[in-house]
Amino acid sequence: MVTKTVLLLVGLLLLLVGIYTFFALSARNEIYYLCGNFKSGVSYSSVVRQLDTANLSDYKIEKFEQSKRVTHSSALHLNWVRCEIAFAEDEKVSHAIYK
């Protein structure tokens, strides 16, 4: 009886790890491919519009005196995998870095 229960728990654990892995990889891909869209000169409104389409990741906006920075990341990766998008004074992308 114990072995069936243990096998069931191990199977359930493997299923949960598989599901997490699927969503974590999908979130990483979402961040990576969206980050590739943000070339120098892309407008701030275009960046925000594209980031609003993301399902497995989120973004935060930091405003500075003369510029902005958007950090796009996912809680599934504890926000370690991210895309940092820096804007110039004219609200155009100056650079985007995938980390």
N, C-alpha and C. Protein backbone atom coordinates (compact mmCIF):
# COMPACT_ATOMS: atom_id res chain seq x y z
N MET A 1 0.82 -1.20 0.00
CA MET A 1 0.00 0.00 0.00
C MET A 1 0.86 1.26 0.00
N VAL A 2 1.95 1.24 0.74
CA VAL A 2 2.81 2.40 0.82
C VAL A 2 3.46 2.69 -0.54
N THR A 3 3.83 1.65 -1.25
CA THR A 3 4.51 1.87 -2.52
C THR A 3 3.59 2.51 -3.55
N LYS A 4 2.33 2.18 -3.55
CA LYS A 4 1.39 2.81 -4.48
C LYS A 4 1.24 4.29 -4.16
N THR A 5 1.17 4.61 -2.90
CA THR A 5 1.04 6.01 -2.48
C THR A 5 2.30 6.79 -2.84
N VAL A 6 3.45 6.19 -2.60
CA VAL A 6 4.71 6.85 -2.93
C VAL A 6 4.81 7.05 -4.44
N LEU A 7 4.47 6.04 -5.21
CA LEU A 7 4.50 6.17 -6.67
C LEU A 7 3.54 7.25 -7.15
N LEU A 8 2.38 7.32 -6.55
CA LEU A 8 1.41 8.35 -6.92
C LEU A 8 1.95 9.74 -6.60
N LEU A 9 2.56 9.90 -5.43
CA LEU A 9 3.13 11.20 -5.06
C LEU A 9 4.30 11.58 -5.96
N VAL A 10 5.16 10.64 -6.28
CA VAL A 10 6.28 10.91 -7.17
C VAL A 10 5.77 11.28 -8.56
N GLY A 11 4.79 10.56 -9.05
CA GLY A 11 4.19 10.86 -10.35
C GLY A 11 3.57 12.24 -10.37
N LEU A 12 2.86 12.58 -9.30
CA LEU A 12 2.25 13.91 -9.20
C LEU A 12 3.31 15.00 -9.15
N LEU A 13 4.37 14.74 -8.40
CA LEU A 13 5.46 15.71 -8.32
C LEU A 13 6.12 15.91 -9.68
N LEU A 14 6.37 14.84 -10.41
CA LEU A 14 6.95 14.94 -11.74
C LEU A 14 6.03 15.69 -12.70
N LEU A 15 4.75 15.47 -12.59
CA LEU A 15 3.78 16.19 -13.41
C LEU A 15 3.83 17.69 -13.12
N LEU A 16 3.87 18.05 -11.84
CA LEU A 16 3.94 19.46 -11.46
C LEU A 16 5.24 20.11 -11.92
N VAL A 17 6.35 19.39 -11.81
CA VAL A 17 7.63 19.92 -12.28
C VAL A 17 7.58 20.11 -13.80
N GLY A 18 6.98 19.18 -14.50
CA GLY A 18 6.84 19.29 -15.95
C GLY A 18 6.00 20.49 -16.35
N ILE A 19 4.91 20.70 -15.65
CA ILE A 19 4.04 21.86 -15.94
C ILE A 19 4.78 23.16 -15.66
N TYR A 20 5.47 23.23 -14.52
CA TYR A 20 6.25 24.43 -14.19
C TYR A 20 7.32 24.69 -15.25
N THR A 21 8.01 23.65 -15.65
CA THR A 21 9.07 23.79 -16.67
C THR A 21 8.50 24.33 -17.97
N PHE A 22 7.36 23.82 -18.39
CA PHE A 22 6.72 24.30 -19.61
C PHE A 22 6.43 25.80 -19.53
N PHE A 23 5.81 26.23 -18.43
CA PHE A 23 5.45 27.63 -18.30
C PHE A 23 6.69 28.51 -18.11
N ALA A 24 7.70 28.02 -17.40
CA ALA A 24 8.93 28.80 -17.21
C ALA A 24 9.65 29.00 -18.55
N LEU A 25 9.73 27.96 -19.36
CA LEU A 25 10.35 28.10 -20.68
C LEU A 25 9.54 29.04 -21.58
N SER A 26 8.23 28.95 -21.49
CA SER A 26 7.38 29.84 -22.28
C SER A 26 7.57 31.30 -21.86
N ALA A 27 7.69 31.54 -20.57
CA ALA A 27 7.90 32.90 -20.08
C ALA A 27 9.26 33.43 -20.53
N ARG A 28 10.29 32.58 -20.49
CA ARG A 28 11.62 32.99 -20.94
C ARG A 28 11.59 33.35 -22.43
N ASN A 29 10.92 32.52 -23.21
CA ASN A 29 10.81 32.79 -24.64
C ASN A 29 10.05 34.09 -24.90
N GLU A 30 9.01 34.32 -24.13
CA GLU A 30 8.22 35.55 -24.28
C GLU A 30 9.10 36.78 -24.04
N ILE A 31 9.89 36.75 -22.99
CA ILE A 31 10.78 37.87 -22.68
C ILE A 31 11.84 38.02 -23.77
N TYR A 32 12.45 36.92 -24.17
CA TYR A 32 13.53 36.95 -25.16
C TYR A 32 13.05 37.51 -26.50
N TYR A 33 11.94 37.00 -27.00
CA TYR A 33 11.47 37.42 -28.32
C TYR A 33 10.91 38.84 -28.32
N LEU A 34 10.23 39.22 -27.25
CA LEU A 34 9.76 40.61 -27.19
C LEU A 34 10.94 41.56 -27.08
N CYS A 35 11.96 41.19 -26.33
CA CYS A 35 13.14 42.06 -26.18
C CYS A 35 13.80 42.30 -27.54
N GLY A 36 13.77 41.31 -28.40
CA GLY A 36 14.35 41.46 -29.73
C GLY A 36 13.64 42.47 -30.61
N ASN A 37 12.40 42.81 -30.26
CA ASN A 37 11.64 43.80 -31.02
C ASN A 37 12.04 45.24 -30.71
N PHE A 38 12.73 45.45 -29.61
CA PHE A 38 12.96 46.81 -29.13
C PHE A 38 14.33 47.32 -29.56
N LYS A 39 14.40 47.70 -30.81
CA LYS A 39 15.63 48.26 -31.37
C LYS A 39 15.67 49.75 -31.10
N SER A 40 16.82 50.32 -31.26
CA SER A 40 17.00 51.75 -31.06
C SER A 40 16.05 52.53 -31.96
N GLY A 41 15.33 53.49 -31.38
CA GLY A 41 14.41 54.32 -32.14
C GLY A 41 12.95 53.94 -32.03
N VAL A 42 12.65 52.77 -31.45
CA VAL A 42 11.25 52.36 -31.27
C VAL A 42 10.62 53.23 -30.19
N SER A 43 9.39 53.65 -30.41
CA SER A 43 8.74 54.57 -29.47
C SER A 43 8.31 53.87 -28.18
N TYR A 44 8.22 54.67 -27.13
CA TYR A 44 7.78 54.19 -25.83
C TYR A 44 6.39 53.57 -25.91
N SER A 45 5.48 54.21 -26.63
CA SER A 45 4.11 53.70 -26.73
C SER A 45 4.08 52.34 -27.44
N SER A 46 4.94 52.14 -28.42
CA SER A 46 5.01 50.85 -29.11
C SER A 46 5.53 49.77 -28.18
N VAL A 47 6.52 50.10 -27.38
CA VAL A 47 7.07 49.14 -26.41
C VAL A 47 5.99 48.71 -25.42
N VAL A 48 5.29 49.67 -24.85
CA VAL A 48 4.25 49.37 -23.87
C VAL A 48 3.11 48.57 -24.51
N ARG A 49 2.74 48.92 -25.73
CA ARG A 49 1.68 48.20 -26.42
C ARG A 49 2.07 46.73 -26.62
N GLN A 50 3.31 46.49 -27.02
CA GLN A 50 3.78 45.11 -27.21
C GLN A 50 3.87 44.36 -25.89
N LEU A 51 4.35 45.02 -24.85
CA LEU A 51 4.48 44.35 -23.55
C LEU A 51 3.12 44.02 -22.95
N ASP A 52 2.11 44.81 -23.30
CA ASP A 52 0.76 44.53 -22.81
C ASP A 52 0.19 43.24 -23.39
N THR A 53 0.78 42.71 -24.45
CA THR A 53 0.30 41.46 -25.04
C THR A 53 0.87 40.24 -24.33
N ALA A 54 1.85 40.42 -23.45
CA ALA A 54 2.50 39.30 -22.76
C ALA A 54 1.54 38.63 -21.78
N ASN A 55 1.61 37.31 -21.70
CA ASN A 55 0.74 36.55 -20.80
C ASN A 55 1.45 36.02 -19.56
N LEU A 56 2.72 35.68 -19.68
CA LEU A 56 3.44 35.02 -18.60
C LEU A 56 4.50 35.90 -17.96
N SER A 57 4.54 37.15 -18.35
CA SER A 57 5.53 38.07 -17.81
C SER A 57 4.88 39.42 -17.55
N ASP A 58 5.64 40.26 -16.88
CA ASP A 58 5.13 41.56 -16.49
C ASP A 58 6.25 42.59 -16.70
N TYR A 59 5.92 43.84 -16.55
CA TYR A 59 6.93 44.87 -16.68
C TYR A 59 6.69 45.98 -15.68
N LYS A 60 7.78 46.68 -15.36
CA LYS A 60 7.66 47.85 -14.48
C LYS A 60 8.37 49.01 -15.15
N ILE A 61 7.86 50.19 -14.89
CA ILE A 61 8.37 51.41 -15.50
C ILE A 61 9.03 52.24 -14.41
N GLU A 62 10.26 52.64 -14.67
CA GLU A 62 10.97 53.52 -13.75
C GLU A 62 11.18 54.84 -14.47
N LYS A 63 10.77 55.92 -13.83
CA LYS A 63 10.91 57.25 -14.43
C LYS A 63 12.04 57.99 -13.72
N PHE A 64 12.91 58.55 -14.53
CA PHE A 64 14.01 59.35 -14.02
C PHE A 64 13.79 60.80 -14.46
N GLU A 65 14.69 61.64 -14.11
CA GLU A 65 14.53 63.06 -14.41
C GLU A 65 14.38 63.33 -15.91
N GLN A 66 15.21 62.68 -16.73
CA GLN A 66 15.17 62.95 -18.16
C GLN A 66 14.94 61.71 -19.01
N SER A 67 14.67 60.58 -18.40
CA SER A 67 14.49 59.36 -19.19
C SER A 67 13.61 58.37 -18.44
N LYS A 68 13.40 57.22 -19.06
CA LYS A 68 12.62 56.13 -18.46
C LYS A 68 13.36 54.83 -18.70
N ARG A 69 13.04 53.85 -17.88
CA ARG A 69 13.54 52.50 -18.10
C ARG A 69 12.40 51.53 -17.80
N VAL A 70 12.22 50.57 -18.69
CA VAL A 70 11.21 49.54 -18.52
C VAL A 70 11.95 48.22 -18.31
N THR A 71 11.56 47.50 -17.26
CA THR A 71 12.14 46.19 -16.99
C THR A 71 11.05 45.15 -17.18
N HIS A 72 11.27 44.26 -18.12
CA HIS A 72 10.31 43.21 -18.48
C HIS A 72 10.85 41.89 -17.93
N SER A 73 10.08 41.24 -17.04
CA SER A 73 10.54 40.01 -16.41
C SER A 73 9.35 39.14 -16.01
N SER A 74 9.65 37.99 -15.41
CA SER A 74 8.59 37.07 -15.01
C SER A 74 8.85 36.56 -13.59
N ALA A 75 7.79 36.46 -12.83
CA ALA A 75 7.89 35.90 -11.48
C ALA A 75 8.24 34.41 -11.53
N LEU A 76 7.96 33.76 -12.64
CA LEU A 76 8.31 32.34 -12.78
C LEU A 76 9.82 32.13 -12.72
N HIS A 77 10.58 33.17 -13.01
CA HIS A 77 12.05 33.11 -12.95
C HIS A 77 12.57 33.97 -11.82
N LEU A 78 11.71 34.31 -10.88
CA LEU A 78 12.07 35.19 -9.77
C LEU A 78 12.66 36.51 -10.27
N ASN A 79 12.22 36.91 -11.45
CA ASN A 79 12.64 38.16 -12.11
C ASN A 79 14.13 38.21 -12.43
N TRP A 80 14.79 37.06 -12.49
CA TRP A 80 16.21 37.00 -12.86
C TRP A 80 16.39 37.12 -14.36
N VAL A 81 15.52 36.49 -15.13
CA VAL A 81 15.54 36.61 -16.58
C VAL A 81 14.75 37.86 -16.92
N ARG A 82 15.40 38.80 -17.59
CA ARG A 82 14.70 40.07 -17.83
C ARG A 82 15.24 40.78 -19.06
N CYS A 83 14.47 41.73 -19.50
CA CYS A 83 14.87 42.62 -20.59
C CYS A 83 14.78 44.04 -20.03
N GLU A 84 15.89 44.74 -20.10
CA GLU A 84 15.91 46.13 -19.64
C GLU A 84 15.93 47.04 -20.86
N ILE A 85 14.94 47.91 -20.94
CA ILE A 85 14.78 48.80 -22.08
C ILE A 85 14.96 50.24 -21.58
N ALA A 86 15.97 50.90 -22.11
CA ALA A 86 16.27 52.28 -21.72
C ALA A 86 15.78 53.23 -22.81
N PHE A 87 15.24 54.35 -22.38
CA PHE A 87 14.70 55.35 -23.31
C PHE A 87 15.48 56.65 -23.19
N ALA A 88 15.61 57.32 -24.30
CA ALA A 88 16.24 58.65 -24.32
C ALA A 88 15.18 59.69 -23.95
N GLU A 89 15.60 60.94 -23.94
CA GLU A 89 14.68 62.02 -23.58
C GLU A 89 13.48 62.12 -24.51
N ASP A 90 13.64 61.74 -25.78
CA ASP A 90 12.54 61.83 -26.75
C ASP A 90 11.60 60.63 -26.70
N GLU A 91 11.72 59.80 -25.67
CA GLU A 91 10.89 58.60 -25.46
C GLU A 91 11.04 57.58 -26.59
N LYS A 92 12.24 57.47 -27.10
CA LYS A 92 12.60 56.44 -28.08
C LYS A 92 13.61 55.51 -27.41
N VAL A 93 13.57 54.25 -27.78
CA VAL A 93 14.50 53.28 -27.19
C VAL A 93 15.93 53.68 -27.53
N SER A 94 16.76 53.73 -26.50
CA SER A 94 18.19 53.96 -26.76
C SER A 94 18.90 52.61 -26.82
N HIS A 95 18.49 51.66 -25.98
CA HIS A 95 19.00 50.29 -26.07
C HIS A 95 18.13 49.35 -25.24
N ALA A 96 18.15 48.10 -25.61
CA ALA A 96 17.44 47.04 -24.88
C ALA A 96 18.41 45.89 -24.67
N ILE A 97 18.48 45.41 -23.44
CA ILE A 97 19.43 44.36 -23.09
C ILE A 97 18.67 43.19 -22.47
N TYR A 98 18.87 42.00 -23.03
CA TYR A 98 18.31 40.77 -22.46
C TYR A 98 19.33 40.20 -21.50
N LYS A 99 18.92 39.98 -20.27
CA LYS A 99 19.83 39.44 -19.24
C LYS A 99 19.30 38.12 -18.72
